[in-house]
Amino acid sequence: GGGPRKGGGGGSDPYINFVPLTEHLYTHRHMKHVGKATGKAFFHRLPRTRTIKHELNPVWDDDVVEIDINVKSKLELKYGKFIAITLMDHDDLSVDDVIGSVVLNLKTLLEGVKGERETG
């Protein structure tokens, strides 16, 4: 994990999880269930990049991660599909640590890319 390494330098074993969020994730009951479902088994079932050992500035430019982003409901069609992207630090001896996360609306993101192409 992110503990000190030999020689006194810090380190991290980062990887990225991708979680497509669906409308059922917005219910309070389900969010409590997701909070309890932490641990290695939960995080390692998600679409993810490879872990880069002992790296504070990771680059995953050669990784390909397949994620199901098909729109499955009227709510997703209207408001967009959301995806949570979480940067994790792998730890062999305990639960992996969350370094940071962001939730993106893919509809808004794609509209921004389309707008840039039309004006650029």
N, C-alpha and C. Protein backbone atom coordinates (compact mmCIF):
# COMPACT_ATOMS: atom_id res chain seq x y z
N GLY A 1 0.79 -1.18 0.00
CA GLY A 1 0.00 0.00 0.00
C GLY A 1 0.83 1.24 0.00
N GLY A 2 0.30 2.30 0.59
CA GLY A 2 0.95 3.60 0.55
C GLY A 2 1.89 3.85 1.69
N GLY A 3 2.32 2.81 2.40
CA GLY A 3 3.23 2.99 3.53
C GLY A 3 4.64 3.30 3.08
N PRO A 4 5.50 3.69 4.03
CA PRO A 4 6.87 4.00 3.69
C PRO A 4 7.59 2.80 3.08
N ARG A 5 8.49 3.05 2.16
CA ARG A 5 9.28 2.03 1.49
C ARG A 5 10.71 2.07 2.02
N LYS A 6 11.46 1.03 1.70
CA LYS A 6 12.87 1.03 2.08
C LYS A 6 13.54 2.25 1.49
N GLY A 7 14.45 2.85 2.23
CA GLY A 7 15.11 4.05 1.75
C GLY A 7 14.39 5.30 2.19
N GLY A 8 13.26 5.17 2.91
CA GLY A 8 12.57 6.33 3.46
C GLY A 8 11.58 6.99 2.53
N GLY A 9 11.49 6.58 1.25
CA GLY A 9 10.55 7.20 0.33
C GLY A 9 9.15 6.65 0.49
N GLY A 10 8.15 7.46 0.18
CA GLY A 10 6.77 6.98 0.22
C GLY A 10 6.45 6.27 -1.07
N GLY A 11 5.34 5.58 -1.12
CA GLY A 11 4.96 4.88 -2.33
C GLY A 11 3.49 4.61 -2.34
N SER A 12 3.01 4.17 -3.47
CA SER A 12 1.62 3.84 -3.63
C SER A 12 1.54 2.74 -4.68
N ASP A 13 0.50 1.93 -4.60
CA ASP A 13 0.23 0.89 -5.60
C ASP A 13 -1.15 1.19 -6.21
N PRO A 14 -1.22 2.22 -7.05
CA PRO A 14 -2.52 2.71 -7.51
C PRO A 14 -3.16 1.89 -8.63
N TYR A 15 -4.48 1.93 -8.63
CA TYR A 15 -5.30 1.42 -9.72
C TYR A 15 -6.59 2.22 -9.72
N ILE A 16 -7.36 2.14 -10.81
CA ILE A 16 -8.61 2.90 -10.93
C ILE A 16 -9.77 1.95 -11.11
N ASN A 17 -10.83 2.14 -10.32
CA ASN A 17 -12.10 1.43 -10.47
C ASN A 17 -13.07 2.31 -11.26
N PHE A 18 -13.89 1.67 -12.09
CA PHE A 18 -14.94 2.37 -12.84
C PHE A 18 -16.27 1.72 -12.49
N VAL A 19 -17.21 2.52 -11.96
CA VAL A 19 -18.51 1.99 -11.54
C VAL A 19 -19.63 2.73 -12.25
N PRO A 20 -20.26 2.11 -13.26
CA PRO A 20 -21.43 2.74 -13.87
C PRO A 20 -22.56 2.77 -12.84
N LEU A 21 -23.11 3.95 -12.60
CA LEU A 21 -24.17 4.10 -11.60
C LEU A 21 -25.52 4.04 -12.30
N THR A 22 -26.44 3.30 -11.71
CA THR A 22 -27.78 3.22 -12.25
C THR A 22 -28.75 3.85 -11.27
N GLU A 23 -29.98 4.05 -11.69
CA GLU A 23 -30.94 4.78 -10.87
C GLU A 23 -31.16 4.13 -9.51
N HIS A 24 -31.00 2.82 -9.37
CA HIS A 24 -31.22 2.19 -8.07
C HIS A 24 -30.15 2.59 -7.05
N LEU A 25 -29.01 3.11 -7.51
CA LEU A 25 -27.99 3.57 -6.58
C LEU A 25 -28.40 4.84 -5.85
N TYR A 26 -29.41 5.52 -6.34
CA TYR A 26 -29.82 6.77 -5.73
C TYR A 26 -30.77 6.58 -4.56
N THR A 27 -31.18 5.35 -4.28
CA THR A 27 -32.07 5.13 -3.15
C THR A 27 -31.26 5.00 -1.87
N HIS A 28 -31.78 5.54 -0.79
CA HIS A 28 -31.07 5.54 0.49
C HIS A 28 -30.78 4.11 0.97
N ARG A 29 -31.75 3.23 0.82
CA ARG A 29 -31.58 1.84 1.28
C ARG A 29 -30.41 1.18 0.56
N HIS A 30 -30.30 1.39 -0.73
CA HIS A 30 -29.22 0.76 -1.49
C HIS A 30 -27.86 1.38 -1.14
N MET A 31 -27.82 2.68 -0.90
CA MET A 31 -26.54 3.32 -0.56
C MET A 31 -26.01 2.76 0.75
N LYS A 32 -26.89 2.45 1.70
CA LYS A 32 -26.43 1.84 2.95
C LYS A 32 -25.82 0.47 2.66
N HIS A 33 -26.42 -0.29 1.73
CA HIS A 33 -25.89 -1.60 1.35
C HIS A 33 -24.52 -1.46 0.70
N VAL A 34 -24.35 -0.48 -0.20
CA VAL A 34 -23.06 -0.27 -0.86
C VAL A 34 -22.00 0.07 0.18
N GLY A 35 -22.35 0.86 1.18
CA GLY A 35 -21.39 1.21 2.22
C GLY A 35 -20.91 0.00 2.99
N LYS A 36 -21.75 -1.02 3.16
CA LYS A 36 -21.37 -2.23 3.88
C LYS A 36 -20.58 -3.19 2.98
N ALA A 37 -20.67 -3.00 1.68
CA ALA A 37 -20.06 -3.95 0.75
C ALA A 37 -18.62 -3.59 0.42
N THR A 38 -17.92 -2.99 1.36
CA THR A 38 -16.53 -2.63 1.10
C THR A 38 -15.64 -3.82 1.35
N GLY A 39 -14.40 -3.71 0.93
CA GLY A 39 -13.45 -4.79 1.10
C GLY A 39 -12.89 -5.21 -0.23
N LYS A 40 -11.88 -6.04 -0.20
CA LYS A 40 -11.18 -6.44 -1.42
C LYS A 40 -12.11 -7.11 -2.43
N ALA A 41 -12.98 -8.01 -1.98
CA ALA A 41 -13.84 -8.73 -2.91
C ALA A 41 -14.73 -7.77 -3.69
N PHE A 42 -15.28 -6.76 -3.03
CA PHE A 42 -16.14 -5.78 -3.69
C PHE A 42 -15.36 -4.98 -4.73
N PHE A 43 -14.23 -4.40 -4.32
CA PHE A 43 -13.48 -3.53 -5.22
C PHE A 43 -12.85 -4.29 -6.38
N HIS A 44 -12.46 -5.52 -6.21
CA HIS A 44 -11.78 -6.25 -7.27
C HIS A 44 -12.74 -6.88 -8.27
N ARG A 45 -14.05 -6.81 -8.03
CA ARG A 45 -15.03 -7.28 -9.01
C ARG A 45 -15.37 -6.19 -10.02
N LEU A 46 -14.99 -4.95 -9.75
CA LEU A 46 -15.35 -3.83 -10.60
C LEU A 46 -14.43 -3.73 -11.81
N PRO A 47 -14.93 -3.12 -12.92
CA PRO A 47 -14.02 -2.85 -14.03
C PRO A 47 -12.89 -1.95 -13.52
N ARG A 48 -11.64 -2.27 -13.86
CA ARG A 48 -10.52 -1.54 -13.29
C ARG A 48 -9.28 -1.63 -14.17
N THR A 49 -8.38 -0.72 -13.89
CA THR A 49 -7.08 -0.77 -14.55
C THR A 49 -6.19 -1.76 -13.82
N ARG A 50 -5.02 -1.97 -14.34
CA ARG A 50 -4.03 -2.78 -13.64
C ARG A 50 -3.45 -1.95 -12.49
N THR A 51 -2.90 -2.62 -11.50
CA THR A 51 -2.22 -1.95 -10.39
C THR A 51 -0.79 -1.65 -10.82
N ILE A 52 -0.35 -0.44 -10.58
CA ILE A 52 1.04 -0.06 -10.88
C ILE A 52 1.77 0.01 -9.53
N LYS A 53 2.71 -0.86 -9.34
CA LYS A 53 3.41 -0.98 -8.06
C LYS A 53 4.39 0.17 -7.83
N HIS A 54 4.41 0.67 -6.60
CA HIS A 54 5.40 1.65 -6.11
C HIS A 54 5.46 2.89 -7.00
N GLU A 55 4.32 3.51 -7.30
CA GLU A 55 4.29 4.65 -8.22
C GLU A 55 3.42 5.76 -7.68
N LEU A 56 3.99 6.97 -7.56
CA LEU A 56 3.23 8.13 -7.10
C LEU A 56 2.63 8.93 -8.25
N ASN A 57 3.10 8.70 -9.49
CA ASN A 57 2.60 9.41 -10.67
C ASN A 57 2.23 8.40 -11.76
N PRO A 58 1.19 7.61 -11.53
CA PRO A 58 0.86 6.53 -12.47
C PRO A 58 0.29 7.04 -13.79
N VAL A 59 0.53 6.28 -14.85
CA VAL A 59 -0.03 6.56 -16.17
C VAL A 59 -0.57 5.24 -16.72
N TRP A 60 -1.83 5.24 -17.14
CA TRP A 60 -2.47 4.04 -17.68
C TRP A 60 -2.80 4.21 -19.15
N ASP A 61 -1.95 4.83 -19.92
CA ASP A 61 -2.29 5.13 -21.31
C ASP A 61 -2.40 3.90 -22.20
N ASP A 62 -1.91 2.75 -21.76
CA ASP A 62 -2.03 1.53 -22.57
C ASP A 62 -3.10 0.58 -22.05
N ASP A 63 -3.82 0.96 -21.00
CA ASP A 63 -4.87 0.11 -20.44
C ASP A 63 -6.20 0.36 -21.14
N VAL A 64 -6.94 -0.71 -21.38
CA VAL A 64 -8.30 -0.62 -21.93
C VAL A 64 -9.23 -1.29 -20.93
N VAL A 65 -10.25 -0.55 -20.48
CA VAL A 65 -11.21 -1.07 -19.52
C VAL A 65 -12.58 -1.01 -20.16
N GLU A 66 -13.26 -2.15 -20.27
CA GLU A 66 -14.60 -2.19 -20.85
C GLU A 66 -15.64 -1.97 -19.76
N ILE A 67 -16.56 -1.03 -20.03
CA ILE A 67 -17.58 -0.67 -19.06
C ILE A 67 -18.93 -0.64 -19.77
N ASP A 68 -19.95 -1.23 -19.16
CA ASP A 68 -21.30 -1.21 -19.72
C ASP A 68 -21.93 0.15 -19.45
N ILE A 69 -22.09 0.96 -20.49
CA ILE A 69 -22.70 2.28 -20.32
C ILE A 69 -24.00 2.40 -21.10
N ASN A 70 -24.62 1.26 -21.43
CA ASN A 70 -25.89 1.29 -22.14
C ASN A 70 -26.96 1.96 -21.28
N VAL A 71 -27.76 2.80 -21.90
CA VAL A 71 -28.86 3.46 -21.22
C VAL A 71 -29.98 2.44 -21.06
N LYS A 72 -30.43 2.26 -19.82
CA LYS A 72 -31.40 1.20 -19.53
C LYS A 72 -32.72 1.71 -18.98
N SER A 73 -32.88 3.02 -18.84
CA SER A 73 -34.15 3.53 -18.30
C SER A 73 -34.43 4.92 -18.87
N LYS A 74 -35.68 5.36 -18.72
CA LYS A 74 -36.06 6.71 -19.16
C LYS A 74 -35.31 7.78 -18.36
N LEU A 75 -35.06 7.51 -17.07
CA LEU A 75 -34.31 8.47 -16.25
C LEU A 75 -32.89 8.66 -16.78
N GLU A 76 -32.23 7.55 -17.13
CA GLU A 76 -30.87 7.65 -17.67
C GLU A 76 -30.88 8.37 -19.02
N LEU A 77 -31.89 8.12 -19.84
CA LEU A 77 -31.98 8.79 -21.13
C LEU A 77 -32.16 10.30 -20.94
N LYS A 78 -32.98 10.69 -19.98
CA LYS A 78 -33.26 12.11 -19.75
C LYS A 78 -32.09 12.82 -19.06
N TYR A 79 -31.56 12.23 -18.00
CA TYR A 79 -30.56 12.91 -17.17
C TYR A 79 -29.12 12.48 -17.44
N GLY A 80 -28.95 11.39 -18.15
CA GLY A 80 -27.61 10.91 -18.45
C GLY A 80 -27.21 9.74 -17.58
N LYS A 81 -26.20 9.04 -18.03
CA LYS A 81 -25.64 7.91 -17.30
C LYS A 81 -24.45 8.43 -16.50
N PHE A 82 -24.37 8.05 -15.26
CA PHE A 82 -23.29 8.49 -14.39
C PHE A 82 -22.29 7.37 -14.17
N ILE A 83 -21.03 7.75 -14.03
CA ILE A 83 -19.99 6.78 -13.75
C ILE A 83 -19.11 7.33 -12.62
N ALA A 84 -18.83 6.48 -11.65
CA ALA A 84 -17.92 6.85 -10.57
C ALA A 84 -16.54 6.30 -10.91
N ILE A 85 -15.54 7.16 -10.83
CA ILE A 85 -14.16 6.79 -11.09
C ILE A 85 -13.40 6.99 -9.78
N THR A 86 -12.82 5.90 -9.27
CA THR A 86 -12.17 5.95 -7.96
C THR A 86 -10.73 5.50 -8.08
N LEU A 87 -9.81 6.35 -7.63
CA LEU A 87 -8.39 6.02 -7.58
C LEU A 87 -8.13 5.31 -6.25
N MET A 88 -7.60 4.10 -6.33
CA MET A 88 -7.39 3.26 -5.15
C MET A 88 -5.90 3.00 -4.95
N ASP A 89 -5.54 2.66 -3.71
CA ASP A 89 -4.17 2.25 -3.37
C ASP A 89 -4.26 0.81 -2.87
N HIS A 90 -3.69 -0.11 -3.64
CA HIS A 90 -3.71 -1.53 -3.28
C HIS A 90 -2.89 -1.77 -2.02
N ASP A 91 -3.42 -2.63 -1.16
CA ASP A 91 -2.71 -3.00 0.06
C ASP A 91 -2.82 -4.51 0.23
N ASP A 92 -1.67 -5.19 0.34
CA ASP A 92 -1.68 -6.64 0.49
C ASP A 92 -2.23 -7.11 1.83
N LEU A 93 -2.09 -6.30 2.87
CA LEU A 93 -2.42 -6.75 4.22
C LEU A 93 -3.75 -6.26 4.76
N SER A 94 -4.39 -5.30 4.10
CA SER A 94 -5.67 -4.80 4.58
C SER A 94 -6.51 -4.33 3.40
N VAL A 95 -7.66 -3.73 3.71
CA VAL A 95 -8.55 -3.21 2.67
C VAL A 95 -7.84 -2.09 1.91
N ASP A 96 -8.00 -2.09 0.59
CA ASP A 96 -7.40 -1.04 -0.23
C ASP A 96 -7.94 0.33 0.17
N ASP A 97 -7.08 1.34 0.08
CA ASP A 97 -7.46 2.70 0.47
C ASP A 97 -7.98 3.48 -0.73
N VAL A 98 -8.98 4.32 -0.48
CA VAL A 98 -9.47 5.26 -1.50
C VAL A 98 -8.56 6.49 -1.47
N ILE A 99 -7.98 6.83 -2.61
CA ILE A 99 -7.15 8.03 -2.72
C ILE A 99 -8.01 9.22 -3.12
N GLY A 100 -8.95 8.99 -4.03
CA GLY A 100 -9.86 10.05 -4.46
C GLY A 100 -10.87 9.49 -5.44
N SER A 101 -11.95 10.25 -5.65
CA SER A 101 -12.97 9.78 -6.59
C SER A 101 -13.72 10.96 -7.19
N VAL A 102 -14.36 10.69 -8.31
CA VAL A 102 -15.17 11.68 -9.00
C VAL A 102 -16.34 10.94 -9.65
N VAL A 103 -17.49 11.62 -9.74
CA VAL A 103 -18.64 11.08 -10.45
C VAL A 103 -18.89 11.97 -11.66
N LEU A 104 -18.94 11.35 -12.84
CA LEU A 104 -19.14 12.10 -14.08
C LEU A 104 -20.47 11.72 -14.71
N ASN A 105 -21.12 12.71 -15.31
CA ASN A 105 -22.31 12.49 -16.11
C ASN A 105 -21.84 12.31 -17.54
N LEU A 106 -21.96 11.10 -18.08
CA LEU A 106 -21.43 10.82 -19.42
C LEU A 106 -22.17 11.61 -20.51
N LYS A 107 -23.45 11.88 -20.29
CA LYS A 107 -24.22 12.67 -21.27
C LYS A 107 -23.63 14.08 -21.38
N THR A 108 -23.38 14.71 -20.24
CA THR A 108 -22.80 16.05 -20.21
C THR A 108 -21.39 16.04 -20.80
N LEU A 109 -20.61 15.02 -20.46
CA LEU A 109 -19.26 14.89 -20.98
C LEU A 109 -19.26 14.76 -22.49
N LEU A 110 -20.13 13.90 -23.04
CA LEU A 110 -20.19 13.71 -24.49
C LEU A 110 -20.72 14.95 -25.20
N GLU A 111 -21.68 15.66 -24.59
CA GLU A 111 -22.17 16.91 -25.18
C GLU A 111 -21.05 17.94 -25.25
N GLY A 112 -20.19 17.99 -24.23
CA GLY A 112 -19.05 18.91 -24.22
C GLY A 112 -18.06 18.58 -25.31
N VAL A 113 -17.79 17.29 -25.51
CA VAL A 113 -16.86 16.85 -26.58
C VAL A 113 -17.45 17.19 -27.93
N LYS A 114 -18.75 16.95 -28.10
CA LYS A 114 -19.43 17.25 -29.38
C LYS A 114 -19.37 18.75 -29.65
N GLY A 115 -19.61 19.58 -28.62
CA GLY A 115 -19.56 21.03 -28.78
C GLY A 115 -18.17 21.52 -29.16
N GLU A 116 -17.13 20.93 -28.55
CA GLU A 116 -15.75 21.31 -28.88
C GLU A 116 -15.42 20.96 -30.33
N ARG A 117 -15.91 19.82 -30.81
CA ARG A 117 -15.64 19.40 -32.20
C ARG A 117 -16.34 20.35 -33.18
N GLU A 118 -17.55 20.80 -32.82
CA GLU A 118 -18.30 21.68 -33.72
C GLU A 118 -17.70 23.09 -33.78
N THR A 119 -17.14 23.56 -32.66
CA THR A 119 -16.58 24.92 -32.64
C THR A 119 -15.09 24.95 -32.92
N GLY A 120 -14.40 23.80 -32.77
CA GLY A 120 -12.94 23.75 -32.93
C GLY A 120 -12.57 23.37 -34.28
